[in-house]
C-alpha atoms as a PDB file:
ATOM      1  CA  UNK A   1     -12.037   0.843  -0.748  1.00  0.00           C
ATOM      2  CA  UNK A   2     -15.123   1.248  -2.968  1.00  0.00           C
ATOM      3  CA  UNK A   3     -13.238   3.558  -5.338  1.00  0.00           C
ATOM      4  CA  UNK A   4     -10.786   0.721  -6.035  1.00  0.00           C
ATOM      5  CA  UNK A   5     -13.377  -1.810  -7.148  1.00  0.00           C
ATOM      6  CA  UNK A   6     -13.658  -0.788 -10.811  1.00  0.00           C
ATOM      7  CA  UNK A   7      -9.915  -1.106 -11.350  1.00  0.00           C
ATOM      8  CA  UNK A   8      -9.710  -4.348  -9.360  1.00  0.00           C
ATOM      9  CA  UNK A   9     -12.590  -5.817 -11.391  1.00  0.00           C
ATOM     10  CA  UNK A  10     -10.870  -4.774 -14.640  1.00  0.00           C
ATOM     11  CA  UNK A  11      -7.587  -6.343 -13.523  1.00  0.00           C
ATOM     12  CA  UNK A  12      -9.358  -9.469 -12.346  1.00  0.00           C
ATOM     13  CA  UNK A  13     -11.013  -9.847 -15.763  1.00  0.00           C
ATOM     14  CA  UNK A  14      -7.541 -10.050 -17.318  1.00  0.00           C
ATOM     15  CA  UNK A  15      -6.337 -12.595 -14.752  1.00  0.00           C
ATOM     16  CA  UNK A  16      -3.881 -10.205 -13.127  1.00  0.00           C
ATOM     17  CA  UNK A  17      -2.786 -10.818  -9.548  1.00  0.00           C
ATOM     18  CA  UNK A  18      -3.476  -7.960  -7.133  1.00  0.00           C
ATOM     19  CA  UNK A  19      -2.222  -6.916  -3.706  1.00  0.00           C
ATOM     20  CA  UNK A  20      -4.126  -4.659  -1.326  1.00  0.00           C
ATOM     21  CA  UNK A  21      -2.435  -2.252   1.089  1.00  0.00           C
ATOM     22  CA  UNK A  22      -4.554  -0.802   3.910  1.00  0.00           C
ATOM     23  CA  UNK A  23      -3.714   1.726   6.590  1.00  0.00           C
ATOM     24  CA  UNK A  24      -4.304  -0.176   9.832  1.00  0.00           C
ATOM     25  CA  UNK A  25      -2.821   2.261  12.356  1.00  0.00           C
ATOM     26  CA  UNK A  26      -1.364   5.744  12.683  1.00  0.00           C
ATOM     27  CA  UNK A  27       0.509   7.373  15.529  1.00  0.00           C
ATOM     28  CA  UNK A  28       0.681  11.136  15.676  1.00  0.00           C
ATOM     29  CA  UNK A  29       0.104  12.950  12.428  1.00  0.00           C
ATOM     30  CA  UNK A  30      -0.659  10.746   9.436  1.00  0.00           C
ATOM     31  CA  UNK A  31      -1.445  11.537   5.822  1.00  0.00           C
ATOM     32  CA  UNK A  32      -4.477   9.164   5.628  1.00  0.00           C
ATOM     33  CA  UNK A  33      -6.733   7.620   8.253  1.00  0.00           C
ATOM     34  CA  UNK A  34      -7.008   3.898   8.999  1.00  0.00           C
ATOM     35  CA  UNK A  35      -9.045   2.198   6.315  1.00  0.00           C
ATOM     36  CA  UNK A  36      -7.432   4.093   3.439  1.00  0.00           C
ATOM     37  CA  UNK A  37      -6.478   1.570   0.775  1.00  0.00           C
ATOM     38  CA  UNK A  38      -4.578   1.119  -2.423  1.00  0.00           C
ATOM     39  CA  UNK A  39      -4.327  -1.793  -4.838  1.00  0.00           C
ATOM     40  CA  UNK A  40      -1.348  -2.791  -6.964  1.00  0.00           C
ATOM     41  CA  UNK A  41      -1.428  -5.312  -9.783  1.00  0.00           C
ATOM     42  CA  UNK A  42       1.500  -7.483 -10.822  1.00  0.00           C
ATOM     43  CA  UNK A  43       2.343  -5.053 -13.657  1.00  0.00           C
ATOM     44  CA  UNK A  44       2.807  -2.252 -11.101  1.00  0.00           C
ATOM     45  CA  UNK A  45      -0.408  -0.389 -11.915  1.00  0.00           C
ATOM     46  CA  UNK A  46      -1.877   1.395  -8.891  1.00  0.00           C
ATOM     47  CA  UNK A  47      -5.291   2.579  -7.778  1.00  0.00           C
ATOM     48  CA  UNK A  48      -6.116   4.359  -4.533  1.00  0.00           C
ATOM     49  CA  UNK A  49      -3.798   5.949  -1.995  1.00  0.00           C
ATOM     50  CA  UNK A  50      -2.510   5.195   1.483  1.00  0.00           C
ATOM     51  CA  UNK A  51      -0.490   8.343   2.058  1.00  0.00           C
ATOM     52  CA  UNK A  52      -1.386  10.999  -0.476  1.00  0.00           C
ATOM     53  CA  UNK A  53       1.841  10.239  -2.343  1.00  0.00           C
ATOM     54  CA  UNK A  54       4.378  10.146   0.498  1.00  0.00           C
ATOM     55  CA  UNK A  55       5.149   6.424   0.540  1.00  0.00           C
ATOM     56  CA  UNK A  56       3.269   5.039  -2.456  1.00  0.00           C
ATOM     57  CA  UNK A  57       6.385   4.035  -4.398  1.00  0.00           C
ATOM     58  CA  UNK A  58       7.711   2.075  -1.420  1.00  0.00           C
ATOM     59  CA  UNK A  59       4.295   0.425  -0.977  1.00  0.00           C
ATOM     60  CA  UNK A  60       4.296  -0.604  -4.645  1.00  0.00           C
ATOM     61  CA  UNK A  61       7.702  -2.244  -4.159  1.00  0.00           C
ATOM     62  CA  UNK A  62       6.446  -4.092  -1.064  1.00  0.00           C
ATOM     63  CA  UNK A  63       3.253  -5.199  -2.849  1.00  0.00           C
ATOM     64  CA  UNK A  64       5.188  -6.475  -5.859  1.00  0.00           C
ATOM     65  CA  UNK A  65       7.529  -8.443  -3.580  1.00  0.00           C
ATOM     66  CA  UNK A  66       4.490 -10.083  -1.998  1.00  0.00           C
ATOM     67  CA  UNK A  67       2.883 -10.832  -5.377  1.00  0.00           C
ATOM     68  CA  UNK A  68       6.098 -12.352  -6.720  1.00  0.00           C
ATOM     69  CA  UNK A  69       6.515 -14.576  -3.651  1.00  0.00           C
ATOM     70  CA  UNK A  70       9.574 -12.775  -2.341  1.00  0.00           C
ATOM     71  CA  UNK A  71       7.839 -11.744   0.900  1.00  0.00           C
ATOM     72  CA  UNK A  72       4.814 -12.811   2.953  1.00  0.00           C
ATOM     73  CA  UNK A  73       1.719 -10.710   3.625  1.00  0.00           C
ATOM     74  CA  UNK A  74       2.681  -8.432   6.488  1.00  0.00           C
ATOM     75  CA  UNK A  75       2.416  -5.140   8.356  1.00  0.00           C
ATOM     76  CA  UNK A  76       4.859  -2.508   7.102  1.00  0.00           C
ATOM     77  CA  UNK A  77       5.663   0.591   9.152  1.00  0.00           C
ATOM     78  CA  UNK A  78       6.731   3.998   7.889  1.00  0.00           C
ATOM     79  CA  UNK A  79       7.637   6.878  10.190  1.00  0.00           C
ATOM     80  CA  UNK A  80       9.597  10.078  10.352  1.00  0.00           C
ATOM     81  CA  UNK A  81      12.432   8.466  12.310  1.00  0.00           C
ATOM     82  CA  UNK A  82      12.620   5.569   9.851  1.00  0.00           C
ATOM     83  CA  UNK A  83      15.410   6.293   7.341  1.00  0.00           C
ATOM     84  CA  UNK A  84      13.525   4.491   4.569  1.00  0.00           C
ATOM     85  CA  UNK A  85      10.312   6.405   5.251  1.00  0.00           C
ATOM     86  CA  UNK A  86      12.158   9.712   5.241  1.00  0.00           C
ATOM     87  CA  UNK A  87      13.789   8.741   1.953  1.00  0.00           C
ATOM     88  CA  UNK A  88      10.374   8.233   0.369  1.00  0.00           C
ATOM     89  CA  UNK A  89       9.035  11.473   1.787  1.00  0.00           C
ATOM     90  CA  UNK A  90       7.030  10.738   4.960  1.00  0.00           C
ATOM     91  CA  UNK A  91       7.738  14.033   6.707  1.00  0.00           C
ATOM     92  CA  UNK A  92       4.446  14.578   8.554  1.00  0.00           C
ATOM     93  CA  UNK A  93       6.053  13.534  11.835  1.00  0.00           C
ATOM     94  CA  UNK A  94       3.820  10.525  12.440  1.00  0.00           C
ATOM     95  CA  UNK A  95       3.976   6.790  11.947  1.00  0.00           C
ATOM     96  CA  UNK A  96       1.730   4.777   9.657  1.00  0.00           C
ATOM     97  CA  UNK A  97       1.286   1.017   9.590  1.00  0.00           C
ATOM     98  CA  UNK A  98       0.000  -0.727   6.496  1.00  0.00           C
ATOM     99  CA  UNK A  99      -1.144  -4.308   6.089  1.00  0.00           C
ATOM    100  CA  UNK A 100      -0.223  -5.547   2.613  1.00  0.00           C
ATOM    101  CA  UNK A 101      -1.625  -8.826   1.331  1.00  0.00           C
ATOM    102  CA  UNK A 102      -2.385 -10.565  -1.941  1.00  0.00           C
ATOM    103  CA  UNK A 103      -6.036 -10.435  -2.953  1.00  0.00           C
ATOM    104  CA  UNK A 104      -7.392 -13.957  -3.251  1.00  0.00           C
ATOM    105  CA  UNK A 105     -10.173 -14.435  -5.747  1.00  0.00           C
END
């Protein structure tokens, strides 16, 4: 999470809203360990990584939905057997769970 702070501080200085996505659980093989994080601002800019690129675009879409009030903070699951996860490239055979929430200043 520390590597995200410079970008989050820069976004905060401009008044941008930010969502944080964190890996909270993996089952089987996963691209990143629990604790891996990524931040997304309301313009769609990204810092950090939760999957090494496998599901980042889907996470951005989820984060933007939360920031725009279209969805609540929540746990999102991606796995090999999940059609959506396969579509975004999670082919490592495991399951990852991410908690995505708006960052309150």
